[in-house]
């Protein structure tokens, strides 16, 4: 890629930016039009855009770019200012073919002979404030740099370091409910079990969760099946051995019932 440098020394442009700004502000101070800050902001931005395009007669300027450059937040305000500038003869405006095409704008050359009020010159030069000389030399320790003091501002260095460490490296607060959800327990079952644990006034700590998690792995069932069983039995916790005990009790009950039925049947037969 070859970069070329243009020589603008002998080139004549359609608009002289300095004369255009001077003429515009002359009209502003005449008070002929109700020119407000948003009009000035938008016009100066359009001058800047035309300058960037080497003062061509017509140039494209999307509305969002113009609103950002002129610091106008309302779309209706932007189009109102654009319409006013055209009505007052500062610009010409042609709408784009559709909403996706940028409109075209032309800056009208201004030739105003009026002048902007000049600032009043100072009658006297402002005095330069002088420092008040010291009557006595300051003691040497005044000039000691603050950075020379490398000791901590407290004697409790360990507590101070722990405070800073806890502040910047604070670990995430443990959530018992979230841990169960991430473990794969059904949310509805979790809600019911949390009520059971609340009634039993159990602590929902990370240690308690890890113990329950270990027992669930030991049971060979899914997390949802284990916690569902805990809800059915009103267990505040969970242990794999509890399932074995429950199964044994159920088996003994069924055995007793079968024996009763057999004895009853034998008695009936004897009669």
C-alpha atoms as a PDB file:
ATOM      1  CA  UNK A   1       0.000   0.000   0.000  1.00  0.00           C
ATOM      2  CA  UNK A   2       1.391   3.384  -1.031  1.00  0.00           C
ATOM      3  CA  UNK A   3       0.589   6.433   1.067  1.00  0.00           C
ATOM      4  CA  UNK A   4       0.416   9.758  -0.733  1.00  0.00           C
ATOM      5  CA  UNK A   5       0.504  13.192   0.849  1.00  0.00           C
ATOM      6  CA  UNK A   6      -1.703  15.869  -0.686  1.00  0.00           C
ATOM      7  CA  UNK A   7      -0.425  19.406  -0.988  1.00  0.00           C
ATOM      8  CA  UNK A   8      -3.180  21.814   0.038  1.00  0.00           C
ATOM      9  CA  UNK A   9      -1.025  24.947  -0.212  1.00  0.00           C
ATOM     10  CA  UNK A  10      -2.321  26.206  -3.563  1.00  0.00           C
ATOM     11  CA  UNK A  11      -5.729  24.534  -3.455  1.00  0.00           C
ATOM     12  CA  UNK A  12      -8.861  26.654  -3.194  1.00  0.00           C
ATOM     13  CA  UNK A  13     -11.840  25.207  -1.389  1.00  0.00           C
ATOM     14  CA  UNK A  14     -15.501  26.117  -1.710  1.00  0.00           C
ATOM     15  CA  UNK A  15     -15.647  27.217   1.938  1.00  0.00           C
ATOM     16  CA  UNK A  16     -13.130  28.867   4.234  1.00  0.00           C
ATOM     17  CA  UNK A  17     -13.779  27.296   7.624  1.00  0.00           C
ATOM     18  CA  UNK A  18     -12.620  30.313   9.685  1.00  0.00           C
ATOM     19  CA  UNK A  19     -14.691  32.811   7.671  1.00  0.00           C
ATOM     20  CA  UNK A  20     -17.707  30.464   7.805  1.00  0.00           C
ATOM     21  CA  UNK A  21     -17.581  30.231  11.618  1.00  0.00           C
ATOM     22  CA  UNK A  22     -17.122  34.015  11.960  1.00  0.00           C
ATOM     23  CA  UNK A  23     -20.097  34.669   9.689  1.00  0.00           C
ATOM     24  CA  UNK A  24     -22.241  32.130  11.531  1.00  0.00           C
ATOM     25  CA  UNK A  25     -21.574  33.675  14.952  1.00  0.00           C
ATOM     26  CA  UNK A  26     -22.239  37.118  13.542  1.00  0.00           C
ATOM     27  CA  UNK A  27     -25.725  35.934  12.599  1.00  0.00           C
ATOM     28  CA  UNK A  28     -26.114  34.351  16.030  1.00  0.00           C
ATOM     29  CA  UNK A  29     -25.402  37.667  17.767  1.00  0.00           C
ATOM     30  CA  UNK A  30     -27.748  39.566  15.461  1.00  0.00           C
ATOM     31  CA  UNK A  31     -30.624  37.735  17.167  1.00  0.00           C
ATOM     32  CA  UNK A  32     -32.611  37.433  13.955  1.00  0.00           C
ATOM     33  CA  UNK A  33     -33.333  33.742  14.562  1.00  0.00           C
ATOM     34  CA  UNK A  34     -34.060  31.822  17.730  1.00  0.00           C
ATOM     35  CA  UNK A  35     -30.770  29.944  17.587  1.00  0.00           C
ATOM     36  CA  UNK A  36     -30.274  27.698  20.596  1.00  0.00           C
ATOM     37  CA  UNK A  37     -27.350  25.679  21.871  1.00  0.00           C
ATOM     38  CA  UNK A  38     -28.416  22.518  20.030  1.00  0.00           C
ATOM     39  CA  UNK A  39     -28.523  24.452  16.742  1.00  0.00           C
ATOM     40  CA  UNK A  40     -24.977  25.726  17.276  1.00  0.00           C
ATOM     41  CA  UNK A  41     -23.712  22.303  18.329  1.00  0.00           C
ATOM     42  CA  UNK A  42     -25.200  20.583  15.291  1.00  0.00           C
ATOM     43  CA  UNK A  43     -24.029  23.257  12.838  1.00  0.00           C
ATOM     44  CA  UNK A  44     -20.454  23.218  14.138  1.00  0.00           C
ATOM     45  CA  UNK A  45     -20.413  19.410  13.837  1.00  0.00           C
ATOM     46  CA  UNK A  46     -21.662  19.603  10.238  1.00  0.00           C
ATOM     47  CA  UNK A  47     -18.915  22.157   9.494  1.00  0.00           C
ATOM     48  CA  UNK A  48     -16.410  19.667  10.921  1.00  0.00           C
ATOM     49  CA  UNK A  49     -17.783  16.836   8.761  1.00  0.00           C
ATOM     50  CA  UNK A  50     -17.725  18.984   5.619  1.00  0.00           C
ATOM     51  CA  UNK A  51     -14.129  19.952   6.423  1.00  0.00           C
ATOM     52  CA  UNK A  52     -13.208  16.260   6.734  1.00  0.00           C
ATOM     53  CA  UNK A  53     -14.657  15.763   3.238  1.00  0.00           C
ATOM     54  CA  UNK A  54     -12.503  18.588   1.795  1.00  0.00           C
ATOM     55  CA  UNK A  55     -15.454  20.994   1.642  1.00  0.00           C
ATOM     56  CA  UNK A  56     -17.302  19.105  -1.105  1.00  0.00           C
ATOM     57  CA  UNK A  57     -20.710  20.532  -1.959  1.00  0.00           C
ATOM     58  CA  UNK A  58     -22.809  17.574  -0.812  1.00  0.00           C
ATOM     59  CA  UNK A  59     -21.752  15.030   1.791  1.00  0.00           C
ATOM     60  CA  UNK A  60     -23.501  12.188   3.604  1.00  0.00           C
ATOM     61  CA  UNK A  61     -24.038  12.246   7.360  1.00  0.00           C
ATOM     62  CA  UNK A  62     -26.019   9.501   9.182  1.00  0.00           C
ATOM     63  CA  UNK A  63     -28.391  10.758  11.867  1.00  0.00           C
ATOM     64  CA  UNK A  64     -26.847   8.662  14.654  1.00  0.00           C
ATOM     65  CA  UNK A  65     -23.367  10.051  13.902  1.00  0.00           C
ATOM     66  CA  UNK A  66     -24.671  13.621  13.846  1.00  0.00           C
ATOM     67  CA  UNK A  67     -26.617  13.155  17.096  1.00  0.00           C
ATOM     68  CA  UNK A  68     -23.526  11.772  18.825  1.00  0.00           C
ATOM     69  CA  UNK A  69     -21.272  14.521  17.466  1.00  0.00           C
ATOM     70  CA  UNK A  70     -23.704  17.280  18.420  1.00  0.00           C
ATOM     71  CA  UNK A  71     -24.554  15.726  21.833  1.00  0.00           C
ATOM     72  CA  UNK A  72     -28.266  15.574  20.976  1.00  0.00           C
ATOM     73  CA  UNK A  73     -30.075  12.722  22.689  1.00  0.00           C
ATOM     74  CA  UNK A  74     -33.511  13.018  21.090  1.00  0.00           C
ATOM     75  CA  UNK A  75     -34.153  12.053  17.479  1.00  0.00           C
ATOM     76  CA  UNK A  76     -37.046  14.501  17.227  1.00  0.00           C
ATOM     77  CA  UNK A  77     -34.829  17.323  18.537  1.00  0.00           C
ATOM     78  CA  UNK A  78     -32.173  16.448  15.945  1.00  0.00           C
ATOM     79  CA  UNK A  79     -34.612  16.626  13.014  1.00  0.00           C
ATOM     80  CA  UNK A  80     -36.143  19.838  14.407  1.00  0.00           C
ATOM     81  CA  UNK A  81     -32.684  21.467  14.501  1.00  0.00           C
ATOM     82  CA  UNK A  82     -31.913  20.176  11.009  1.00  0.00           C
ATOM     83  CA  UNK A  83     -35.178  21.642   9.714  1.00  0.00           C
ATOM     84  CA  UNK A  84     -34.511  25.005  11.425  1.00  0.00           C
ATOM     85  CA  UNK A  85     -30.986  25.269   9.992  1.00  0.00           C
ATOM     86  CA  UNK A  86     -32.412  24.646   6.523  1.00  0.00           C
ATOM     87  CA  UNK A  87     -35.210  27.176   7.009  1.00  0.00           C
ATOM     88  CA  UNK A  88     -32.723  29.831   8.133  1.00  0.00           C
ATOM     89  CA  UNK A  89     -30.509  29.252   5.083  1.00  0.00           C
ATOM     90  CA  UNK A  90     -27.509  27.688   6.801  1.00  0.00           C
ATOM     91  CA  UNK A  91     -27.757  24.266   5.101  1.00  0.00           C
ATOM     92  CA  UNK A  92     -29.631  22.260   2.489  1.00  0.00           C
ATOM     93  CA  UNK A  93     -30.874  18.805   3.404  1.00  0.00           C
ATOM     94  CA  UNK A  94     -31.961  15.881   1.224  1.00  0.00           C
ATOM     95  CA  UNK A  95     -33.440  12.811   2.863  1.00  0.00           C
ATOM     96  CA  UNK A  96     -32.007   9.366   2.049  1.00  0.00           C
ATOM     97  CA  UNK A  97     -33.706   7.009  -0.358  1.00  0.00           C
ATOM     98  CA  UNK A  98     -34.740   4.791   2.567  1.00  0.00           C
ATOM     99  CA  UNK A  99     -34.067   4.352   6.276  1.00  0.00           C
ATOM    100  CA  UNK A 100     -30.814   2.539   5.533  1.00  0.00           C
ATOM    101  CA  UNK A 101     -29.318   5.296   3.358  1.00  0.00           C
ATOM    102  CA  UNK A 102     -27.649   8.321   4.956  1.00  0.00           C
ATOM    103  CA  UNK A 103     -29.108  11.730   4.091  1.00  0.00           C
ATOM    104  CA  UNK A 104     -27.118  14.285   2.088  1.00  0.00           C
ATOM    105  CA  UNK A 105     -26.262  17.741   3.464  1.00  0.00           C
ATOM    106  CA  UNK A 106     -24.874  20.861   1.856  1.00  0.00           C
ATOM    107  CA  UNK A 107     -23.339  23.741   3.848  1.00  0.00           C
ATOM    108  CA  UNK A 108     -24.369  27.110   2.425  1.00  0.00           C
ATOM    109  CA  UNK A 109     -21.543  29.670   2.116  1.00  0.00           C
ATOM    110  CA  UNK A 110     -22.216  32.537   4.536  1.00  0.00           C
ATOM    111  CA  UNK A 111     -21.255  36.135   3.779  1.00  0.00           C
ATOM    112  CA  UNK A 112     -22.139  38.251   6.768  1.00  0.00           C
ATOM    113  CA  UNK A 113     -20.749  41.761   7.232  1.00  0.00           C
ATOM    114  CA  UNK A 114     -21.813  42.239  10.843  1.00  0.00           C
ATOM    115  CA  UNK A 115     -19.261  41.760  13.595  1.00  0.00           C
ATOM    116  CA  UNK A 116     -19.253  39.809  16.816  1.00  0.00           C
ATOM    117  CA  UNK A 117     -18.916  41.936  20.002  1.00  0.00           C
ATOM    118  CA  UNK A 118     -15.279  42.087  21.011  1.00  0.00           C
ATOM    119  CA  UNK A 119     -14.023  41.295  24.463  1.00  0.00           C
ATOM    120  CA  UNK A 120     -12.954  44.343  26.468  1.00  0.00           C
ATOM    121  CA  UNK A 121      -9.164  44.579  26.819  1.00  0.00           C
ATOM    122  CA  UNK A 122      -7.640  44.800  30.290  1.00  0.00           C
ATOM    123  CA  UNK A 123      -6.722  48.322  31.282  1.00  0.00           C
ATOM    124  CA  UNK A 124      -4.039  47.106  33.648  1.00  0.00           C
ATOM    125  CA  UNK A 125      -1.949  43.988  33.726  1.00  0.00           C
ATOM    126  CA  UNK A 126      -2.984  41.573  36.462  1.00  0.00           C
ATOM    127  CA  UNK A 127      -0.381  41.481  39.216  1.00  0.00           C
ATOM    128  CA  UNK A 128       1.571  38.256  39.641  1.00  0.00           C
ATOM    129  CA  UNK A 129       1.065  36.965  43.183  1.00  0.00           C
ATOM    130  CA  UNK A 130       4.305  36.886  45.086  1.00  0.00           C
ATOM    131  CA  UNK A 131       5.203  34.401  47.761  1.00  0.00           C
ATOM    132  CA  UNK A 132       5.590  35.673  51.338  1.00  0.00           C
ATOM    133  CA  UNK A 133       9.194  35.244  52.476  1.00  0.00           C
ATOM    134  CA  UNK A 134       9.741  33.087  55.545  1.00  0.00           C
ATOM    135  CA  UNK A 135      10.955  34.877  58.622  1.00  0.00           C
ATOM    136  CA  UNK A 136      12.652  31.719  59.905  1.00  0.00           C
ATOM    137  CA  UNK A 137      14.066  28.679  58.201  1.00  0.00           C
ATOM    138  CA  UNK A 138      11.836  25.626  58.533  1.00  0.00           C
ATOM    139  CA  UNK A 139      13.284  22.739  60.564  1.00  0.00           C
ATOM    140  CA  UNK A 140      14.954  19.926  58.613  1.00  0.00           C
ATOM    141  CA  UNK A 141      12.420  17.221  59.562  1.00  0.00           C
ATOM    142  CA  UNK A 142       9.676  19.129  57.700  1.00  0.00           C
ATOM    143  CA  UNK A 143      11.298  18.192  54.397  1.00  0.00           C
ATOM    144  CA  UNK A 144      11.416  14.470  55.169  1.00  0.00           C
ATOM    145  CA  UNK A 145       9.546  12.514  52.525  1.00  0.00           C
ATOM    146  CA  UNK A 146       6.420  10.665  53.567  1.00  0.00           C
ATOM    147  CA  UNK A 147       7.675   7.599  51.711  1.00  0.00           C
ATOM    148  CA  UNK A 148      10.575   7.334  54.138  1.00  0.00           C
ATOM    149  CA  UNK A 149       8.141   5.879  56.662  1.00  0.00           C
ATOM    150  CA  UNK A 150       7.942   2.241  55.564  1.00  0.00           C
ATOM    151  CA  UNK A 151       6.407   0.891  58.771  1.00  0.00           C
ATOM    152  CA  UNK A 152       2.724   0.031  58.955  1.00  0.00           C
ATOM    153  CA  UNK A 153       0.429   2.479  60.692  1.00  0.00           C
ATOM    154  CA  UNK A 154      -0.609  -0.234  63.177  1.00  0.00           C
ATOM    155  CA  UNK A 155       1.327  -2.544  65.470  1.00  0.00           C
ATOM    156  CA  UNK A 156      -1.127  -5.402  64.852  1.00  0.00           C
ATOM    157  CA  UNK A 157       0.453  -6.427  61.549  1.00  0.00           C
ATOM    158  CA  UNK A 158      -1.030  -9.937  61.398  1.00  0.00           C
ATOM    159  CA  UNK A 159      -4.581  -8.729  62.005  1.00  0.00           C
ATOM    160  CA  UNK A 160      -4.124  -5.969  59.444  1.00  0.00           C
ATOM    161  CA  UNK A 161      -2.881  -8.408  56.783  1.00  0.00           C
ATOM    162  CA  UNK A 162      -5.788 -10.783  57.506  1.00  0.00           C
ATOM    163  CA  UNK A 163      -8.256  -7.913  57.173  1.00  0.00           C
ATOM    164  CA  UNK A 164      -6.829  -6.918  53.793  1.00  0.00           C
ATOM    165  CA  UNK A 165      -6.715 -10.533  52.634  1.00  0.00           C
ATOM    166  CA  UNK A 166     -10.343 -11.168  53.624  1.00  0.00           C
ATOM    167  CA  UNK A 167     -11.433  -7.983  51.901  1.00  0.00           C
ATOM    168  CA  UNK A 168      -9.771  -8.653  48.537  1.00  0.00           C
ATOM    169  CA  UNK A 169      -9.891 -12.447  48.469  1.00  0.00           C
ATOM    170  CA  UNK A 170     -13.205 -13.088  50.169  1.00  0.00           C
ATOM    171  CA  UNK A 171     -14.519 -16.534  49.237  1.00  0.00           C
ATOM    172  CA  UNK A 172     -18.021 -17.072  47.901  1.00  0.00           C
ATOM    173  CA  UNK A 173     -20.699 -17.553  50.587  1.00  0.00           C
ATOM    174  CA  UNK A 174     -21.862 -21.192  50.714  1.00  0.00           C
ATOM    175  CA  UNK A 175     -25.491 -21.908  49.813  1.00  0.00           C
ATOM    176  CA  UNK A 176     -26.944 -25.225  51.006  1.00  0.00           C
ATOM    177  CA  UNK A 177     -29.871 -25.004  48.575  1.00  0.00           C
ATOM    178  CA  UNK A 178     -27.616 -24.184  45.603  1.00  0.00           C
ATOM    179  CA  UNK A 179     -25.253 -27.021  46.490  1.00  0.00           C
ATOM    180  CA  UNK A 180     -28.156 -29.498  46.436  1.00  0.00           C
ATOM    181  CA  UNK A 181     -29.368 -28.093  43.112  1.00  0.00           C
ATOM    182  CA  UNK A 182     -25.907 -28.396  41.558  1.00  0.00           C
ATOM    183  CA  UNK A 183     -25.699 -31.942  42.941  1.00  0.00           C
ATOM    184  CA  UNK A 184     -28.781 -32.857  40.895  1.00  0.00           C
ATOM    185  CA  UNK A 185     -31.583 -32.895  43.471  1.00  0.00           C
ATOM    186  CA  UNK A 186     -35.022 -31.880  42.182  1.00  0.00           C
ATOM    187  CA  UNK A 187     -35.948 -28.333  43.258  1.00  0.00           C
ATOM    188  CA  UNK A 188     -39.380 -29.342  44.568  1.00  0.00           C
ATOM    189  CA  UNK A 189     -37.833 -32.047  46.752  1.00  0.00           C
ATOM    190  CA  UNK A 190     -35.261 -29.549  47.996  1.00  0.00           C
ATOM    191  CA  UNK A 191     -37.992 -27.095  49.070  1.00  0.00           C
ATOM    192  CA  UNK A 192     -39.832 -29.819  51.015  1.00  0.00           C
ATOM    193  CA  UNK A 193     -36.639 -31.083  52.674  1.00  0.00           C
ATOM    194  CA  UNK A 194     -35.532 -27.589  53.662  1.00  0.00           C
ATOM    195  CA  UNK A 195     -38.818 -27.268  55.576  1.00  0.00           C
ATOM    196  CA  UNK A 196     -38.080 -30.520  57.418  1.00  0.00           C
ATOM    197  CA  UNK A 197     -34.588 -29.337  58.336  1.00  0.00           C
ATOM    198  CA  UNK A 198     -35.978 -25.992  59.483  1.00  0.00           C
ATOM    199  CA  UNK A 199     -38.454 -27.669  61.829  1.00  0.00           C
ATOM    200  CA  UNK A 200     -35.612 -29.740  63.274  1.00  0.00           C
ATOM    201  CA  UNK A 201     -33.470 -26.575  63.606  1.00  0.00           C
ATOM    202  CA  UNK A 202     -30.546 -28.088  61.695  1.00  0.00           C
ATOM    203  CA  UNK A 203     -27.640 -26.032  60.361  1.00  0.00           C
ATOM    204  CA  UNK A 204     -27.313 -25.801  56.591  1.00  0.00           C
ATOM    205  CA  UNK A 205     -23.521 -25.660  56.546  1.00  0.00           C
ATOM    206  CA  UNK A 206     -21.011 -26.816  53.962  1.00  0.00           C
ATOM    207  CA  UNK A 207     -19.785 -29.516  56.347  1.00  0.00           C
ATOM    208  CA  UNK A 208     -23.310 -30.909  56.699  1.00  0.00           C
ATOM    209  CA  UNK A 209     -23.754 -30.970  52.924  1.00  0.00           C
ATOM    210  CA  UNK A 210     -20.485 -32.837  52.341  1.00  0.00           C
ATOM    211  CA  UNK A 211     -21.466 -35.465  54.920  1.00  0.00           C
ATOM    212  CA  UNK A 212     -24.869 -35.953  53.244  1.00  0.00           C
ATOM    213  CA  UNK A 213     -23.232 -36.066  49.818  1.00  0.00           C
ATOM    214  CA  UNK A 214     -20.875 -38.827  50.980  1.00  0.00           C
ATOM    215  CA  UNK A 215     -23.792 -40.910  52.276  1.00  0.00           C
ATOM    216  CA  UNK A 216     -25.704 -40.480  49.013  1.00  0.00           C
ATOM    217  CA  UNK A 217     -22.724 -41.810  47.049  1.00  0.00           C
ATOM    218  CA  UNK A 218     -22.578 -44.738  49.481  1.00  0.00           C
ATOM    219  CA  UNK A 219     -26.269 -45.601  49.016  1.00  0.00           C
ATOM    220  CA  UNK A 220     -25.974 -46.189  45.265  1.00  0.00           C
ATOM    221  CA  UNK A 221     -29.200 -44.242  44.590  1.00  0.00           C
ATOM    222  CA  UNK A 222     -29.651 -40.939  42.801  1.00  0.00           C
ATOM    223  CA  UNK A 223     -29.518 -37.724  44.878  1.00  0.00           C
ATOM    224  CA  UNK A 224     -33.211 -37.035  44.208  1.00  0.00           C
ATOM    225  CA  UNK A 225     -34.229 -40.551  45.333  1.00  0.00           C
ATOM    226  CA  UNK A 226     -32.241 -40.244  48.565  1.00  0.00           C
ATOM    227  CA  UNK A 227     -33.562 -36.805  49.505  1.00  0.00           C
ATOM    228  CA  UNK A 228     -37.111 -37.844  48.539  1.00  0.00           C
ATOM    229  CA  UNK A 229     -36.817 -40.779  50.958  1.00  0.00           C
ATOM    230  CA  UNK A 230     -35.600 -38.366  53.640  1.00  0.00           C
ATOM    231  CA  UNK A 231     -38.681 -36.187  53.079  1.00  0.00           C
ATOM    232  CA  UNK A 232     -41.026 -39.195  53.276  1.00  0.00           C
ATOM    233  CA  UNK A 233     -39.414 -40.354  56.534  1.00  0.00           C
ATOM    234  CA  UNK A 234     -39.051 -36.797  57.930  1.00  0.00           C
ATOM    235  CA  UNK A 235     -35.292 -37.222  58.191  1.00  0.00           C
ATOM    236  CA  UNK A 236     -33.381 -34.018  58.737  1.00  0.00           C
ATOM    237  CA  UNK A 237     -30.252 -35.691  57.403  1.00  0.00           C
ATOM    238  CA  UNK A 238     -29.428 -38.795  55.400  1.00  0.00           C
ATOM    239  CA  UNK A 239     -27.357 -41.919  55.941  1.00  0.00           C
ATOM    240  CA  UNK A 240     -27.121 -44.993  53.733  1.00  0.00           C
ATOM    241  CA  UNK A 241     -27.527 -47.335  56.732  1.00  0.00           C
ATOM    242  CA  UNK A 242     -30.943 -45.832  57.446  1.00  0.00           C
ATOM    243  CA  UNK A 243     -32.197 -47.248  54.142  1.00  0.00           C
ATOM    244  CA  UNK A 244     -30.960 -50.737  55.095  1.00  0.00           C
ATOM    245  CA  UNK A 245     -32.676 -50.527  58.487  1.00  0.00           C
ATOM    246  CA  UNK A 246     -35.894 -49.399  56.860  1.00  0.00           C
ATOM    247  CA  UNK A 247     -35.774 -52.247  54.349  1.00  0.00           C
ATOM    248  CA  UNK A 248     -35.118 -54.766  57.147  1.00  0.00           C
ATOM    249  CA  UNK A 249     -38.081 -53.494  59.163  1.00  0.00           C
ATOM    250  CA  UNK A 250     -40.366 -53.694  56.143  1.00  0.00           C
ATOM    251  CA  UNK A 251     -39.154 -57.246  55.427  1.00  0.00           C
ATOM    252  CA  UNK A 252     -39.812 -58.393  59.009  1.00  0.00           C
ATOM    253  CA  UNK A 253     -43.296 -56.889  58.941  1.00  0.00           C
ATOM    254  CA  UNK A 254     -44.139 -58.728  55.739  1.00  0.00           C
ATOM    255  CA  UNK A 255     -42.787 -62.005  57.210  1.00  0.00           C
ATOM    256  CA  UNK A 256     -44.912 -61.626  60.338  1.00  0.00           C
ATOM    257  CA  UNK A 257     -48.024 -60.940  58.314  1.00  0.00           C
ATOM    258  CA  UNK A 258     -47.430 -63.993  56.135  1.00  0.00           C
ATOM    259  CA  UNK A 259     -47.048 -66.195  59.216  1.00  0.00           C
ATOM    260  CA  UNK A 260     -50.288 -64.874  60.716  1.00  0.00           C
ATOM    261  CA  UNK A 261     -52.174 -65.528  57.506  1.00  0.00           C
ATOM    262  CA  UNK A 262     -50.797 -69.116  57.299  1.00  0.00           C
ATOM    263  CA  UNK A 263     -51.740 -69.906  60.893  1.00  0.00           C
ATOM    264  CA  UNK A 264     -55.207 -68.493  60.463  1.00  0.00           C
ATOM    265  CA  UNK A 265     -55.727 -70.525  57.323  1.00  0.00           C
ATOM    266  CA  UNK A 266     -54.617 -73.731  59.132  1.00  0.00           C
ATOM    267  CA  UNK A 267     -57.014 -73.087  62.005  1.00  0.00           C
ATOM    268  CA  UNK A 268     -59.902 -72.562  59.630  1.00  0.00           C
ATOM    269  CA  UNK A 269     -59.039 -75.793  57.871  1.00  0.00           C
ATOM    270  CA  UNK A 270     -59.027 -77.775  61.145  1.00  0.00           C
ATOM    271  CA  UNK A 271     -62.487 -76.446  62.017  1.00  0.00           C
END
